Protein backbone atom coordinates (compact mmCIF):
# COMPACT_ATOMS: atom_id res chain seq x y z
CA MET A 1 25.69 8.78 3.21
CA ALA A 2 21.99 9.33 2.49
CA ARG A 3 20.97 9.72 -1.13
CA ALA A 4 18.79 12.60 -2.20
CA PHE A 5 15.26 11.76 -3.33
CA ALA A 6 11.89 13.43 -3.63
CA ILE A 7 8.45 11.92 -3.05
CA VAL A 8 5.87 12.96 -5.62
CA ALA A 9 2.48 11.83 -6.88
CA GLU A 10 2.75 8.94 -9.28
CA ALA A 11 2.21 10.00 -12.90
CA ALA A 12 0.92 7.98 -15.85
CA GLY A 13 4.44 7.98 -17.28
CA ASP A 14 5.73 6.15 -14.18
CA ILE A 15 3.87 2.89 -14.85
CA GLU A 16 6.63 1.10 -16.75
CA ALA A 17 9.36 2.19 -14.30
CA ARG A 18 7.18 1.28 -11.30
CA GLU A 19 6.40 -2.19 -12.65
CA ALA A 20 10.08 -2.85 -13.44
CA LEU A 21 11.05 -1.70 -9.94
CA LEU A 22 8.43 -4.00 -8.37
CA ASP A 23 9.74 -6.93 -10.41
CA ARG A 24 13.32 -6.23 -9.27
CA ALA A 25 12.37 -5.68 -5.64
CA MET A 26 9.74 -8.41 -5.19
CA GLY A 27 10.22 -10.94 -7.96
CA PRO A 28 7.68 -12.58 -10.25
CA LYS A 29 5.68 -14.21 -7.41
CA ARG A 30 4.41 -10.77 -6.36
CA ARG A 31 1.46 -11.15 -8.72
CA LYS A 32 0.18 -14.25 -6.90
CA LYS A 33 -0.19 -12.66 -3.44
CA SER A 34 -3.59 -12.24 -1.81
CA SER A 35 -3.09 -8.47 -1.70
CA GLU A 36 -2.68 -8.46 -5.46
CA LYS A 37 -6.11 -10.07 -5.83
CA LEU A 38 -7.61 -7.03 -4.13
CA ARG A 39 -5.72 -4.64 -6.41
CA ARG A 40 -6.30 -6.42 -9.72
CA GLY A 41 -8.62 -4.47 -12.01
CA ARG A 42 -8.65 -1.45 -9.69
CA ARG A 43 -7.01 1.93 -9.60
CA PRO A 44 -5.29 3.21 -6.44
CA SER A 45 -7.32 5.38 -4.10
CA GLU A 46 -7.58 8.92 -5.43
CA GLY A 47 -4.45 10.90 -4.55
CA LEU A 48 -2.70 7.99 -2.83
CA ALA A 49 -0.09 6.66 -5.28
CA PHE A 50 3.46 7.94 -4.81
CA VAL A 51 6.93 7.43 -6.19
CA ALA A 52 10.34 8.42 -4.89
CA ARG A 53 12.62 9.93 -7.53
CA ASP A 54 16.37 10.33 -7.39
CA PRO A 55 17.98 13.59 -8.62
CA SER A 56 18.03 12.27 -12.21
CA GLY A 57 14.25 11.69 -12.06
CA ALA A 58 14.47 7.88 -11.96
CA VAL A 59 11.83 6.04 -9.92
CA VAL A 60 13.64 4.51 -6.91
CA GLY A 61 10.63 3.76 -4.70
CA THR A 62 6.88 3.30 -4.86
CA VAL A 63 3.87 2.95 -2.60
CA ARG A 64 0.15 2.90 -3.33
CA LEU A 65 -3.01 2.68 -1.25
CA TRP A 66 -6.21 1.00 -2.41
CA ASP A 67 -9.86 1.30 -1.37
CA VAL A 68 -11.28 -1.77 0.37
CA THR A 69 -14.27 -2.67 2.53
CA LEU A 70 -14.00 -4.79 5.61
CA GLY A 71 -16.40 -7.71 5.36
CA GLU A 72 -19.95 -7.63 4.03
CA ASN A 73 -21.18 -4.04 4.18
CA GLY A 74 -18.34 -3.24 6.56
CA PRO A 75 -16.50 0.02 6.97
CA ALA A 76 -14.24 1.44 4.28
CA ALA A 77 -10.48 1.32 4.73
CA LEU A 78 -7.30 1.45 2.68
CA LEU A 79 -4.95 -1.39 1.79
CA LEU A 80 -1.32 -0.29 1.51
CA GLY A 81 0.99 -1.91 -0.96
CA PRO A 82 3.15 -2.72 -2.46
CA LEU A 83 5.90 -0.66 -0.88
CA ALA A 84 9.14 -1.17 -2.76
CA VAL A 85 12.56 0.43 -2.99
CA GLU A 86 15.29 -0.09 -5.57
CA PRO A 87 17.19 -3.10 -4.13
CA GLY A 88 20.58 -1.34 -4.14
CA LEU A 89 19.15 1.60 -2.17
CA LYS A 90 17.49 -0.27 0.71
CA SER A 91 18.25 1.05 4.20
CA GLY A 92 18.63 4.55 2.77
CA GLY A 93 15.38 5.90 4.26
CA ILE A 94 13.34 5.84 1.06
CA GLY A 95 10.86 3.22 2.27
CA SER A 96 10.36 4.95 5.62
CA ALA A 97 9.83 8.30 3.92
CA LEU A 98 7.29 6.77 1.53
CA MET A 99 5.44 5.19 4.46
CA ARG A 100 5.31 8.41 6.48
CA HIS A 101 4.14 10.34 3.42
CA ALA A 102 1.45 7.79 2.50
CA VAL A 103 0.06 7.61 6.05
CA ALA A 104 0.04 11.41 6.40
CA GLU A 105 -1.74 11.88 3.06
CA ALA A 106 -4.33 9.20 3.88
CA ALA A 107 -5.06 10.96 7.17
CA ARG A 108 -5.18 14.37 5.48
CA LEU A 109 -7.69 13.05 2.95
CA GLY A 110 -9.95 11.82 5.77
CA HIS A 111 -9.49 8.05 5.58
CA ASP A 112 -10.20 6.06 8.73
CA ALA A 113 -7.80 3.09 8.67
CA ILE A 114 -5.01 1.46 6.68
CA LEU A 115 -4.35 -2.28 6.46
CA LEU A 116 -1.41 -4.14 4.96
CA VAL A 117 0.21 -7.54 4.87
CA GLY A 118 3.80 -7.23 6.02
CA ASP A 119 6.45 -7.64 8.69
CA ALA A 120 5.34 -6.32 12.10
CA PRO A 121 8.88 -5.32 13.15
CA TYR A 122 9.19 -3.00 10.13
CA TYR A 123 5.66 -1.60 10.00
CA GLY A 124 5.25 -1.39 13.77
CA ARG A 125 7.38 1.75 13.88
CA PHE A 126 4.68 3.47 11.81
CA GLY A 127 1.95 2.39 14.25
CA PHE A 128 0.76 -0.79 12.48
CA SER A 129 -0.06 -3.91 14.50
CA ALA A 130 -2.10 -7.10 14.31
CA GLY A 131 -4.06 -6.05 17.40
CA ARG A 132 -7.14 -4.89 15.46
CA THR A 133 -7.15 -7.46 12.62
CA GLY A 134 -8.10 -10.67 14.44
CA SER A 135 -11.64 -10.71 13.02
CA LEU A 136 -10.55 -9.83 9.49
CA ALA A 137 -9.29 -12.10 6.72
CA MET A 138 -7.62 -11.68 3.36
CA PRO A 139 -9.05 -13.43 0.30
CA GLY A 140 -6.79 -16.37 -0.48
CA PRO A 141 -3.76 -17.59 1.44
CA TYR A 142 -1.88 -15.28 3.81
CA GLU A 143 -0.10 -15.43 7.14
CA ARG A 144 -2.54 -14.12 9.78
CA HIS A 145 0.19 -12.55 11.95
CA ARG A 146 1.24 -10.41 8.96
CA LEU A 147 -2.20 -8.74 8.54
CA LEU A 148 -1.60 -5.39 10.22
CA ALA A 149 -3.67 -2.25 10.68
CA LEU A 150 -3.33 1.38 11.67
CA GLU A 151 -6.36 3.37 12.77
CA LEU A 152 -6.17 6.95 11.54
CA LYS A 153 -9.34 7.69 13.51
CA GLU A 154 -9.73 6.05 16.89
CA GLY A 155 -12.31 3.26 16.86
CA ALA A 156 -12.37 3.02 13.05
CA LEU A 157 -11.95 -0.76 13.22
CA ASP A 158 -14.40 -1.36 16.07
CA GLY A 159 -16.57 -4.31 15.06
CA ALA A 160 -14.80 -4.82 11.73
CA LYS A 161 -14.99 -8.47 10.72
CA GLY A 162 -15.03 -10.69 7.68
CA THR A 163 -13.08 -10.92 4.47
CA ILE A 164 -11.49 -7.78 3.05
CA LYS A 165 -13.02 -6.90 -0.33
CA ALA A 166 -11.86 -4.70 -3.20
CA ALA A 167 -13.65 -1.38 -3.60
CA GLY A 168 -13.00 1.89 -5.35
CA ARG A 169 -12.32 2.83 -8.92
CA LYS A 170 -12.11 0.12 -11.56
CA VAL A 171 -9.55 0.21 -14.33
CA LYS A 172 -11.09 1.10 -17.68
CA ALA A 173 -9.80 -0.17 -21.02
CA LEU A 174 -8.82 3.42 -21.89
CA ASP A 175 -6.40 3.45 -18.93
CA PHE A 176 -4.06 1.22 -20.93
CA VAL A 177 -4.04 3.23 -24.17
């Protein structure tokens, strides 16, 4: 039986619950991933951080998108991640709903492309593939076949090459007060 949940914009009060969920779902090594290097010291792209809440209001899922550039002076894109669901609720549709919502909002806000590092069989159903990422690289170690992309605007990744770089809003000291 499917559990009820709602997808809403992440709020400042969700930080502690989100971080605890990510620790449960992904473990302590999550902070050492190449994707994390691109997120460190940055804020998610404006309007593109979401949580799934159960009927009690508890955070049971999370997804965020981050501003990046593709190579030196390359086009802008988004980096999706992490996507996480409360471990006991996996296969309940929360992750899929978060993905569909995030992709739709990114398109609605006018973004051109989304990249992520993940499993092609899972993310392929949302239109992601490694077909357009062959000339791109993540900073630090990663598995090339797991670098996937989705063009929200046809041709957005034409000619994109080089190392993906962090962009967008930096975290300010006041963000932690």
